[in-house]
Amino acid sequence: MKFWTTLEFKAFIGTIDGKDHVDKVFFTTAYLIDMRAGEMLAFQWKDIDFGSSEIHISRNLSRMHSKNIVTTPKSINSNRYITINAKLAEILKFEWRVSKSY
């Protein structure tokens, strides 16, 4: 598996339009905490605990028979808590939450 370096991520994120908060927050979150695509797509505001600086991963979104299906993770280890840093917490609070209130 190949991962982006910090420089590669910064180059990529810099190509996203500054007004497109949802995409910017989506990719920044995925990069910083290494969530899988299905986990990111099932991610909800209630999964964030700002008091303990954690995100709870407990769902996965997949596509079956032309329908989106939200399920629990396949393995017990996939159901987990991921610590987030203050910068990501700030991005989630002030960029994602604000952009979702339209």
PDB file of N, CA and C in Angstrom:
ATOM      1  N   MET A   1       0.830  -1.160   0.000  1.00  0.00           N
ATOM      2  CA  MET A   1       0.000   0.000   0.000  1.00  0.00           C
ATOM      3  C   MET A   1       0.887   1.239   0.000  1.00  0.00           C
ATOM      4  N   LYS A   2       0.529   2.242  -0.773  1.00  0.00           N
ATOM      5  CA  LYS A   2       1.327   3.453  -0.855  1.00  0.00           C
ATOM      6  C   LYS A   2       0.583   4.605  -0.183  1.00  0.00           C
ATOM      7  N   PHE A   3       1.297   5.349   0.653  1.00  0.00           N
ATOM      8  CA  PHE A   3       0.715   6.475   1.365  1.00  0.00           C
ATOM      9  C   PHE A   3       1.322   7.774   0.869  1.00  0.00           C
ATOM     10  N   TRP A   4       0.530   8.846   0.961  1.00  0.00           N
ATOM     11  CA  TRP A   4       1.028  10.160   0.579  1.00  0.00           C
ATOM     12  C   TRP A   4       1.990  10.692   1.628  1.00  0.00           C
ATOM     13  N   THR A   5       2.989  11.419   1.170  1.00  0.00           N
ATOM     14  CA  THR A   5       3.838  12.172   2.081  1.00  0.00           C
ATOM     15  C   THR A   5       3.089  13.461   2.423  1.00  0.00           C
ATOM     16  N   THR A   6       3.595  14.174   3.397  1.00  0.00           N
ATOM     17  CA  THR A   6       2.973  15.449   3.775  1.00  0.00           C
ATOM     18  C   THR A   6       2.991  16.422   2.598  1.00  0.00           C
ATOM     19  N   LEU A   7       4.090  16.462   1.867  1.00  0.00           N
ATOM     20  CA  LEU A   7       4.176  17.362   0.712  1.00  0.00           C
ATOM     21  C   LEU A   7       3.170  16.985  -0.377  1.00  0.00           C
ATOM     22  N   GLU A   8       3.006  15.695  -0.620  1.00  0.00           N
ATOM     23  CA  GLU A   8       2.033  15.243  -1.621  1.00  0.00           C
ATOM     24  C   GLU A   8       0.611  15.604  -1.198  1.00  0.00           C
ATOM     25  N   PHE A   9       0.308  15.415   0.093  1.00  0.00           N
ATOM     26  CA  PHE A   9      -1.028  15.768   0.569  1.00  0.00           C
ATOM     27  C   PHE A   9      -1.273  17.268   0.453  1.00  0.00           C
ATOM     28  N   LYS A  10      -0.303  18.068   0.841  1.00  0.00           N
ATOM     29  CA  LYS A  10      -0.459  19.530   0.754  1.00  0.00           C
ATOM     30  C   LYS A  10      -0.657  19.972  -0.689  1.00  0.00           C
ATOM     31  N   ALA A  11       0.050  19.354  -1.614  1.00  0.00           N
ATOM     32  CA  ALA A  11      -0.125  19.679  -3.033  1.00  0.00           C
ATOM     33  C   ALA A  11      -1.536  19.317  -3.484  1.00  0.00           C
ATOM     34  N   PHE A  12      -2.025  18.158  -3.071  1.00  0.00           N
ATOM     35  CA  PHE A  12      -3.376  17.732  -3.435  1.00  0.00           C
ATOM     36  C   PHE A  12      -4.434  18.639  -2.829  1.00  0.00           C
ATOM     37  N   ILE A  13      -4.358  18.880  -1.527  1.00  0.00           N
ATOM     38  CA  ILE A  13      -5.390  19.658  -0.838  1.00  0.00           C
ATOM     39  C   ILE A  13      -5.409  21.097  -1.349  1.00  0.00           C
ATOM     40  N   GLY A  14      -4.268  21.570  -1.814  1.00  0.00           N
ATOM     41  CA  GLY A  14      -4.191  22.920  -2.378  1.00  0.00           C
ATOM     42  C   GLY A  14      -4.941  23.073  -3.693  1.00  0.00           C
ATOM     43  N   THR A  15      -5.264  21.965  -4.344  1.00  0.00           N
ATOM     44  CA  THR A  15      -6.010  22.035  -5.610  1.00  0.00           C
ATOM     45  C   THR A  15      -7.518  22.141  -5.392  1.00  0.00           C
ATOM     46  N   ILE A  16      -7.986  21.926  -4.153  1.00  0.00           N
ATOM     47  CA  ILE A  16      -9.419  22.003  -3.871  1.00  0.00           C
ATOM     48  C   ILE A  16      -9.817  23.456  -3.681  1.00  0.00           C
ATOM     49  N   ASP A  17     -10.883  23.840  -4.338  1.00  0.00           N
ATOM     50  CA  ASP A  17     -11.399  25.206  -4.248  1.00  0.00           C
ATOM     51  C   ASP A  17     -11.636  25.568  -2.784  1.00  0.00           C
ATOM     52  N   GLY A  18     -11.203  26.751  -2.381  1.00  0.00           N
ATOM     53  CA  GLY A  18     -11.344  27.212  -1.003  1.00  0.00           C
ATOM     54  C   GLY A  18     -12.778  27.254  -0.512  1.00  0.00           C
ATOM     55  N   LYS A  19     -13.735  27.362  -1.425  1.00  0.00           N
ATOM     56  CA  LYS A  19     -15.148  27.400  -1.043  1.00  0.00           C
ATOM     57  C   LYS A  19     -15.718  26.002  -0.831  1.00  0.00           C
ATOM     58  N   ASP A  20     -15.007  24.998  -1.254  1.00  0.00           N
ATOM     59  CA  ASP A  20     -15.511  23.628  -1.164  1.00  0.00           C
ATOM     60  C   ASP A  20     -15.072  22.999   0.159  1.00  0.00           C
ATOM     61  N   HIS A  21     -15.694  23.469   1.245  1.00  0.00           N
ATOM     62  CA  HIS A  21     -15.313  23.031   2.588  1.00  0.00           C
ATOM     63  C   HIS A  21     -15.504  21.530   2.803  1.00  0.00           C
ATOM     64  N   VAL A  22     -16.573  20.970   2.280  1.00  0.00           N
ATOM     65  CA  VAL A  22     -16.872  19.557   2.527  1.00  0.00           C
ATOM     66  C   VAL A  22     -15.759  18.660   1.991  1.00  0.00           C
ATOM     67  N   ASP A  23     -15.342  18.875   0.747  1.00  0.00           N
ATOM     68  CA  ASP A  23     -14.264  18.056   0.183  1.00  0.00           C
ATOM     69  C   ASP A  23     -12.958  18.249   0.934  1.00  0.00           C
ATOM     70  N   LYS A  24     -12.660  19.486   1.276  1.00  0.00           N
ATOM     71  CA  LYS A  24     -11.414  19.769   1.985  1.00  0.00           C
ATOM     72  C   LYS A  24     -11.389  19.069   3.348  1.00  0.00           C
ATOM     73  N   VAL A  25     -12.481  19.163   4.085  1.00  0.00           N
ATOM     74  CA  VAL A  25     -12.566  18.517   5.393  1.00  0.00           C
ATOM     75  C   VAL A  25     -12.555  16.996   5.248  1.00  0.00           C
ATOM     76  N   PHE A  26     -13.261  16.477   4.257  1.00  0.00           N
ATOM     77  CA  PHE A  26     -13.316  15.032   4.010  1.00  0.00           C
ATOM     78  C   PHE A  26     -11.915  14.463   3.802  1.00  0.00           C
ATOM     79  N   PHE A  27     -11.175  15.049   2.877  1.00  0.00           N
ATOM     80  CA  PHE A  27      -9.850  14.510   2.556  1.00  0.00           C
ATOM     81  C   PHE A  27      -8.839  14.765   3.666  1.00  0.00           C
ATOM     82  N   THR A  28      -8.945  15.901   4.358  1.00  0.00           N
ATOM     83  CA  THR A  28      -8.038  16.179   5.470  1.00  0.00           C
ATOM     84  C   THR A  28      -8.259  15.178   6.595  1.00  0.00           C
ATOM     85  N   THR A  29      -9.511  14.910   6.919  1.00  0.00           N
ATOM     86  CA  THR A  29      -9.828  13.941   7.968  1.00  0.00           C
ATOM     87  C   THR A  29      -9.323  12.554   7.584  1.00  0.00           C
ATOM     88  N   ALA A  30      -9.604  12.141   6.366  1.00  0.00           N
ATOM     89  CA  ALA A  30      -9.165  10.820   5.902  1.00  0.00           C
ATOM     90  C   ALA A  30      -7.645  10.700   5.972  1.00  0.00           C
ATOM     91  N   TYR A  31      -6.946  11.750   5.577  1.00  0.00           N
ATOM     92  CA  TYR A  31      -5.483  11.711   5.579  1.00  0.00           C
ATOM     93  C   TYR A  31      -4.922  11.669   7.007  1.00  0.00           C
ATOM     94  N   LEU A  32      -5.431  12.529   7.868  1.00  0.00           N
ATOM     95  CA  LEU A  32      -4.856  12.656   9.204  1.00  0.00           C
ATOM     96  C   LEU A  32      -5.133  11.463  10.108  1.00  0.00           C
ATOM     97  N   ILE A  33      -6.280  10.809   9.951  1.00  0.00           N
ATOM     98  CA  ILE A  33      -6.581   9.713  10.875  1.00  0.00           C
ATOM     99  C   ILE A  33      -6.720   8.372  10.176  1.00  0.00           C
ATOM    100  N   ASP A  34      -6.418   8.333   8.905  1.00  0.00           N
ATOM    101  CA  ASP A  34      -6.335   7.071   8.182  1.00  0.00           C
ATOM    102  C   ASP A  34      -7.629   6.255   8.228  1.00  0.00           C
ATOM    103  N   MET A  35      -8.751   6.926   7.924  1.00  0.00           N
ATOM    104  CA  MET A  35     -10.026   6.217   7.836  1.00  0.00           C
ATOM    105  C   MET A  35     -10.192   5.651   6.436  1.00  0.00           C
ATOM    106  N   ARG A  36     -10.816   4.504   6.339  1.00  0.00           N
ATOM    107  CA  ARG A  36     -11.106   3.891   5.043  1.00  0.00           C
ATOM    108  C   ARG A  36     -12.261   4.642   4.378  1.00  0.00           C
ATOM    109  N   ALA A  37     -12.390   4.495   3.075  1.00  0.00           N
ATOM    110  CA  ALA A  37     -13.418   5.224   2.319  1.00  0.00           C
ATOM    111  C   ALA A  37     -14.822   4.956   2.852  1.00  0.00           C
ATOM    112  N   GLY A  38     -15.168   3.697   3.079  1.00  0.00           N
ATOM    113  CA  GLY A  38     -16.499   3.358   3.581  1.00  0.00           C
ATOM    114  C   GLY A  38     -16.759   3.922   4.968  1.00  0.00           C
ATOM    115  N   GLU A  39     -15.718   3.977   5.797  1.00  0.00           N
ATOM    116  CA  GLU A  39     -15.836   4.569   7.132  1.00  0.00           C
ATOM    117  C   GLU A  39     -16.085   6.067   7.027  1.00  0.00           C
ATOM    118  N   MET A  40     -15.379   6.716   6.127  1.00  0.00           N
ATOM    119  CA  MET A  40     -15.559   8.161   5.928  1.00  0.00           C
ATOM    120  C   MET A  40     -16.976   8.472   5.445  1.00  0.00           C
ATOM    121  N   LEU A  41     -17.483   7.653   4.537  1.00  0.00           N
ATOM    122  CA  LEU A  41     -18.807   7.903   3.979  1.00  0.00           C
ATOM    123  C   LEU A  41     -19.921   7.642   4.995  1.00  0.00           C
ATOM    124  N   ALA A  42     -19.666   6.819   6.005  1.00  0.00           N
ATOM    125  CA  ALA A  42     -20.661   6.544   7.046  1.00  0.00           C
ATOM    126  C   ALA A  42     -20.465   7.434   8.278  1.00  0.00           C
ATOM    127  N   PHE A  43     -19.437   8.227   8.295  1.00  0.00           N
ATOM    128  CA  PHE A  43     -19.061   9.098   9.411  1.00  0.00           C
ATOM    129  C   PHE A  43     -20.140  10.152   9.658  1.00  0.00           C
ATOM    130  N   GLN A  44     -20.520  10.336  10.931  1.00  0.00           N
ATOM    131  CA  GLN A  44     -21.541  11.310  11.299  1.00  0.00           C
ATOM    132  C   GLN A  44     -21.034  12.216  12.414  1.00  0.00           C
ATOM    133  N   TRP A  45     -21.671  13.366  12.537  1.00  0.00           N
ATOM    134  CA  TRP A  45     -21.291  14.343  13.556  1.00  0.00           C
ATOM    135  C   TRP A  45     -21.298  13.710  14.954  1.00  0.00           C
ATOM    136  N   LYS A  46     -22.262  12.858  15.245  1.00  0.00           N
ATOM    137  CA  LYS A  46     -22.368  12.247  16.573  1.00  0.00           C
ATOM    138  C   LYS A  46     -21.215  11.290  16.884  1.00  0.00           C
ATOM    139  N   ASP A  47     -20.402  10.949  15.892  1.00  0.00           N
ATOM    140  CA  ASP A  47     -19.248  10.066  16.099  1.00  0.00           C
ATOM    141  C   ASP A  47     -18.052  10.796  16.712  1.00  0.00           C
ATOM    142  N   ILE A  48     -18.139  12.115  16.805  1.00  0.00           N
ATOM    143  CA  ILE A  48     -17.027  12.914  17.328  1.00  0.00           C
ATOM    144  C   ILE A  48     -17.276  13.224  18.801  1.00  0.00           C
ATOM    145  N   ASP A  49     -16.279  12.958  19.634  1.00  0.00           N
ATOM    146  CA  ASP A  49     -16.318  13.334  21.046  1.00  0.00           C
ATOM    147  C   ASP A  49     -15.213  14.362  21.257  1.00  0.00           C
ATOM    148  N   PHE A  50     -15.600  15.639  21.243  1.00  0.00           N
ATOM    149  CA  PHE A  50     -14.606  16.702  21.380  1.00  0.00           C
ATOM    150  C   PHE A  50     -14.014  16.737  22.783  1.00  0.00           C
ATOM    151  N   GLY A  51     -14.768  16.283  23.793  1.00  0.00           N
ATOM    152  CA  GLY A  51     -14.263  16.257  25.166  1.00  0.00           C
ATOM    153  C   GLY A  51     -13.066  15.344  25.333  1.00  0.00           C
ATOM    154  N   SER A  52     -13.121  14.193  24.691  1.00  0.00           N
ATOM    155  CA  SER A  52     -11.990  13.256  24.789  1.00  0.00           C
ATOM    156  C   SER A  52     -11.124  13.265  23.531  1.00  0.00           C
ATOM    157  N   SER A  53     -11.434  14.152  22.596  1.00  0.00           N
ATOM    158  CA  SER A  53     -10.680  14.289  21.334  1.00  0.00           C
ATOM    159  C   SER A  53     -10.588  12.960  20.592  1.00  0.00           C
ATOM    160  N   GLU A  54     -11.756  12.335  20.382  1.00  0.00           N
ATOM    161  CA  GLU A  54     -11.803  11.050  19.700  1.00  0.00           C
ATOM    162  C   GLU A  54     -12.936  10.999  18.674  1.00  0.00           C
ATOM    163  N   ILE A  55     -12.709  10.166  17.683  1.00  0.00           N
ATOM    164  CA  ILE A  55     -13.750   9.827  16.714  1.00  0.00           C
ATOM    165  C   ILE A  55     -14.018   8.339  16.867  1.00  0.00           C
ATOM    166  N   HIS A  56     -15.294   7.989  16.942  1.00  0.00           N
ATOM    167  CA  HIS A  56     -15.675   6.579  17.066  1.00  0.00           C
ATOM    168  C   HIS A  56     -16.014   6.045  15.684  1.00  0.00           C
ATOM    169  N   ILE A  57     -15.326   5.011  15.272  1.00  0.00           N
ATOM    170  CA  ILE A  57     -15.597   4.333  14.003  1.00  0.00           C
ATOM    171  C   ILE A  57     -16.460   3.117  14.331  1.00  0.00           C
ATOM    172  N   SER A  58     -17.709   3.156  13.900  1.00  0.00           N
ATOM    173  CA  SER A  58     -18.612   2.049  14.226  1.00  0.00           C
ATOM    174  C   SER A  58     -19.515   1.664  13.058  1.00  0.00           C
ATOM    175  N   ARG A  59     -19.309   2.331  11.915  1.00  0.00           N
ATOM    176  CA  ARG A  59     -20.135   2.051  10.736  1.00  0.00           C
ATOM    177  C   ARG A  59     -19.279   2.077   9.482  1.00  0.00           C
ATOM    178  N   ASN A  60     -19.805   1.421   8.464  1.00  0.00           N
ATOM    179  CA  ASN A  60     -19.159   1.376   7.162  1.00  0.00           C
ATOM    180  C   ASN A  60     -20.245   1.480   6.099  1.00  0.00           C
ATOM    181  N   LEU A  61     -20.021   2.269   5.085  1.00  0.00           N
ATOM    182  CA  LEU A  61     -20.982   2.383   3.995  1.00  0.00           C
ATOM    183  C   LEU A  61     -20.452   1.613   2.790  1.00  0.00           C
ATOM    184  N   SER A  62     -21.315   0.784   2.235  1.00  0.00           N
ATOM    185  CA  SER A  62     -20.948   0.070   1.012  1.00  0.00           C
ATOM    186  C   SER A  62     -22.136   0.128   0.057  1.00  0.00           C
ATOM    187  N   ARG A  63     -21.901  -0.240  -1.174  1.00  0.00           N
ATOM    188  CA  ARG A  63     -22.936  -0.183  -2.206  1.00  0.00           C
ATOM    189  C   ARG A  63     -23.254  -1.608  -2.648  1.00  0.00           C
ATOM    190  N   MET A  64     -24.541  -1.971  -2.525  1.00  0.00           N
ATOM    191  CA  MET A  64     -24.989  -3.297  -2.937  1.00  0.00           C
ATOM    192  C   MET A  64     -26.290  -3.165  -3.718  1.00  0.00           C
ATOM    193  N   HIS A  65     -26.326  -3.754  -4.895  1.00  0.00           N
ATOM    194  CA  HIS A  65     -27.531  -3.734  -5.740  1.00  0.00           C
ATOM    195  C   HIS A  65     -28.041  -2.309  -5.956  1.00  0.00           C
ATOM    196  N   SER A  66     -27.125  -1.396  -6.269  1.00  0.00           N
ATOM    197  CA  SER A  66     -27.424   0.009  -6.549  1.00  0.00           C
ATOM    198  C   SER A  66     -27.980   0.769  -5.353  1.00  0.00           C
ATOM    199  N   LYS A  67     -27.745   0.275  -4.137  1.00  0.00           N
ATOM    200  CA  LYS A  67     -28.201   0.953  -2.925  1.00  0.00           C
ATOM    201  C   LYS A  67     -27.042   1.112  -1.953  1.00  0.00           C
ATOM    202  N   ASN A  68     -27.048   2.240  -1.237  1.00  0.00           N
ATOM    203  CA  ASN A  68     -26.066   2.443  -0.181  1.00  0.00           C
ATOM    204  C   ASN A  68     -26.530   1.709   1.067  1.00  0.00           C
ATOM    205  N   ILE A  69     -25.635   0.915   1.634  1.00  0.00           N
ATOM    206  CA  ILE A  69     -25.937   0.128   2.824  1.00  0.00           C
ATOM    207  C   ILE A  69     -24.934   0.509   3.914  1.00  0.00           C
ATOM    208  N   VAL A  70     -25.443   0.891   5.093  1.00  0.00           N
ATOM    209  CA  VAL A  70     -24.579   1.181   6.230  1.00  0.00           C
ATOM    210  C   VAL A  70     -24.600  -0.039   7.138  1.00  0.00           C
ATOM    211  N   THR A  71     -23.411  -0.557   7.417  1.00  0.00           N
ATOM    212  CA  THR A  71     -23.272  -1.751   8.248  1.00  0.00           C
ATOM    213  C   THR A  71     -22.258  -1.497   9.353  1.00  0.00           C
ATOM    214  N   THR A  72     -22.147  -2.444  10.250  1.00  0.00           N
ATOM    215  CA  THR A  72     -21.081  -2.385  11.248  1.00  0.00           C
ATOM    216  C   THR A  72     -19.793  -2.854  10.575  1.00  0.00           C
ATOM    217  N   PRO A  73     -18.651  -2.490  11.131  1.00  0.00           N
ATOM    218  CA  PRO A  73     -17.382  -2.935  10.542  1.00  0.00           C
ATOM    219  C   PRO A  73     -17.290  -4.456  10.488  1.00  0.00           C
ATOM    220  N   LYS A  74     -16.491  -4.955   9.547  1.00  0.00           N
ATOM    221  CA  LYS A  74     -16.365  -6.396   9.336  1.00  0.00           C
ATOM    222  C   LYS A  74     -15.668  -7.112  10.483  1.00  0.00           C
ATOM    223  N   SER A  75     -14.700  -6.456  11.095  1.00  0.00           N
ATOM    224  CA  SER A  75     -13.971  -7.118  12.180  1.00  0.00           C
ATOM    225  C   SER A  75     -14.119  -6.329  13.475  1.00  0.00           C
ATOM    226  N   ILE A  76     -13.877  -6.987  14.582  1.00  0.00           N
ATOM    227  CA  ILE A  76     -13.986  -6.346  15.890  1.00  0.00           C
ATOM    228  C   ILE A  76     -12.957  -5.229  16.045  1.00  0.00           C
ATOM    229  N   ASN A  77     -11.788  -5.382  15.428  1.00  0.00           N
ATOM    230  CA  ASN A  77     -10.740  -4.361  15.516  1.00  0.00           C
ATOM    231  C   ASN A  77     -11.070  -3.116  14.693  1.00  0.00           C
ATOM    232  N   SER A  78     -11.972  -3.244  13.737  1.00  0.00           N
ATOM    233  CA  SER A  78     -12.351  -2.096  12.918  1.00  0.00           C
ATOM    234  C   SER A  78     -13.292  -1.156  13.668  1.00  0.00           C
ATOM    235  N   ASN A  79     -13.984  -1.665  14.694  1.00  0.00           N
ATOM    236  CA  ASN A  79     -14.822  -0.835  15.553  1.00  0.00           C
ATOM    237  C   ASN A  79     -13.889  -0.242  16.599  1.00  0.00           C
ATOM    238  N   ARG A  80     -13.553   1.055  16.452  1.00  0.00           N
ATOM    239  CA  ARG A  80     -12.476   1.609  17.253  1.00  0.00           C
ATOM    240  C   ARG A  80     -12.665   3.093  17.512  1.00  0.00           C
ATOM    241  N   TYR A  81     -11.853   3.615  18.412  1.00  0.00           N
ATOM    242  CA  TYR A  81     -11.787   5.040  18.698  1.00  0.00           C
ATOM    243  C   TYR A  81     -10.447   5.542  18.196  1.00  0.00           C
ATOM    244  N   ILE A  82     -10.476   6.676  17.515  1.00  0.00           N
ATOM    245  CA  ILE A  82      -9.247   7.262  16.985  1.00  0.00           C
ATOM    246  C   ILE A  82      -9.082   8.642  17.605  1.00  0.00           C
ATOM    247  N   THR A  83      -7.926   8.881  18.173  1.00  0.00           N
ATOM    248  CA  THR A  83      -7.632  10.175  18.772  1.00  0.00           C
ATOM    249  C   THR A  83      -7.398  11.208  17.674  1.00  0.00           C
ATOM    250  N   ILE A  84      -7.971  12.391  17.866  1.00  0.00           N
ATOM    251  CA  ILE A  84      -7.759  13.483  16.916  1.00  0.00           C
ATOM    252  C   ILE A  84      -7.001  14.607  17.608  1.00  0.00           C
ATOM    253  N   ASN A  85      -6.206  15.325  16.833  1.00  0.00           N
ATOM    254  CA  ASN A  85      -5.463  16.443  17.406  1.00  0.00           C
ATOM    255  C   ASN A  85      -6.329  17.712  17.396  1.00  0.00           C
ATOM    256  N   ALA A  86      -5.851  18.743  18.063  1.00  0.00           N
ATOM    257  CA  ALA A  86      -6.608  19.990  18.196  1.00  0.00           C
ATOM    258  C   ALA A  86      -6.878  20.637  16.842  1.00  0.00           C
ATOM    259  N   LYS A  87      -5.939  20.535  15.922  1.00  0.00           N
ATOM    260  CA  LYS A  87      -6.117  21.135  14.593  1.00  0.00           C
ATOM    261  C   LYS A  87      -7.277  20.477  13.841  1.00  0.00           C
ATOM    262  N   LEU A  88      -7.344  19.146  13.861  1.00  0.00           N
ATOM    263  CA  LEU A  88      -8.437  18.459  13.184  1.00  0.00           C
ATOM    264  C   LEU A  88      -9.763  18.751  13.881  1.00  0.00           C
ATOM    265  N   ALA A  89      -9.767  18.796  15.214  1.00  0.00           N
ATOM    266  CA  ALA A  89     -10.993  19.133  15.947  1.00  0.00           C
ATOM    267  C   ALA A  89     -11.502  20.506  15.528  1.00  0.00           C
ATOM    268  N   GLU A  90     -10.595  21.448  15.366  1.00  0.00           N
ATOM    269  CA  GLU A  90     -10.954  22.804  14.940  1.00  0.00           C
ATOM    270  C   GLU A  90     -11.527  22.798  13.511  1.00  0.00           C
ATOM    271  N   ILE A  91     -10.895  22.055  12.635  1.00  0.00           N
ATOM    272  CA  ILE A  91     -11.387  21.951  11.250  1.00  0.00           C
ATOM    273  C   ILE A  91     -12.794  21.357  11.236  1.00  0.00           C
ATOM    274  N   LEU A  92     -13.008  20.299  12.017  1.00  0.00           N
ATOM    275  CA  LEU A  92     -14.318  19.660  12.052  1.00  0.00           C
ATOM    276  C   LEU A  92     -15.378  20.598  12.633  1.00  0.00           C
ATOM    277  N   LYS A  93     -15.046  21.307  13.693  1.00  0.00           N
ATOM    278  CA  LYS A  93     -16.001  22.214  14.339  1.00  0.00           C
ATOM    279  C   LYS A  93     -16.346  23.406  13.469  1.00  0.00           C
ATOM    280  N   PHE A  94     -15.325  24.031  12.908  1.00  0.00           N
ATOM    281  CA  PHE A  94     -15.531  25.323  12.281  1.00  0.00           C
ATOM    282  C   PHE A  94     -15.601  25.305  10.761  1.00  0.00           C
ATOM    283  N   GLU A  95     -15.211  24.231  10.135  1.00  0.00           N
ATOM    284  CA  GLU A  95     -15.347  24.157   8.686  1.00  0.00           C
ATOM    285  C   GLU A  95     -16.412  23.163   8.273  1.00  0.00           C
ATOM    286  N   TRP A  96     -16.380  21.958   8.835  1.00  0.00           N
ATOM    287  CA  TRP A  96     -17.367  20.958   8.445  1.00  0.00           C
ATOM    288  C   TRP A  96     -18.736  21.260   9.018  1.00  0.00           C
ATOM    289  N   ARG A  97     -18.813  21.514  10.319  1.00  0.00           N
ATOM    290  CA  ARG A  97     -20.107  21.758  10.961  1.00  0.00           C
ATOM    291  C   ARG A  97     -20.777  22.993  10.375  1.00  0.00           C
ATOM    292  N   VAL A  98     -20.014  24.061  10.156  1.00  0.00           N
ATOM    293  CA  VAL A  98     -20.568  25.291   9.579  1.00  0.00           C
ATOM    294  C   VAL A  98     -21.059  25.022   8.160  1.00  0.00           C
ATOM    295  N   SER A  99     -20.309  24.268   7.371  1.00  0.00           N
ATOM    296  CA  SER A  99     -20.702  24.009   5.983  1.00  0.00           C
ATOM    297  C   SER A  99     -21.917  23.094   5.912  1.00  0.00           C
ATOM    298  N   LYS A 100     -22.177  22.301   6.963  1.00  0.00           N
ATOM    299  CA  LYS A 100     -23.313  21.387   6.969  1.00  0.00           C
ATOM    300  C   LYS A 100     -24.602  22.086   7.417  1.00  0.00           C
ATOM    301  N   SER A 101     -24.535  23.329   7.849  1.00  0.00           N
ATOM    302  CA  SER A 101     -25.722  24.001   8.387  1.00  0.00           C
ATOM    303  C   SER A 101     -26.434  24.861   7.347  1.00  0.00           C
ATOM    304  N   TYR A 102     -26.294  24.536   6.069  1.00  0.00           N
ATOM    305  CA  TYR A 102     -26.954  25.315   5.031  1.00  0.00           C
ATOM    306  C   TYR A 102     -28.376  24.915   4.835  1.00  0.00           C
TER     307      TYR A 102
END
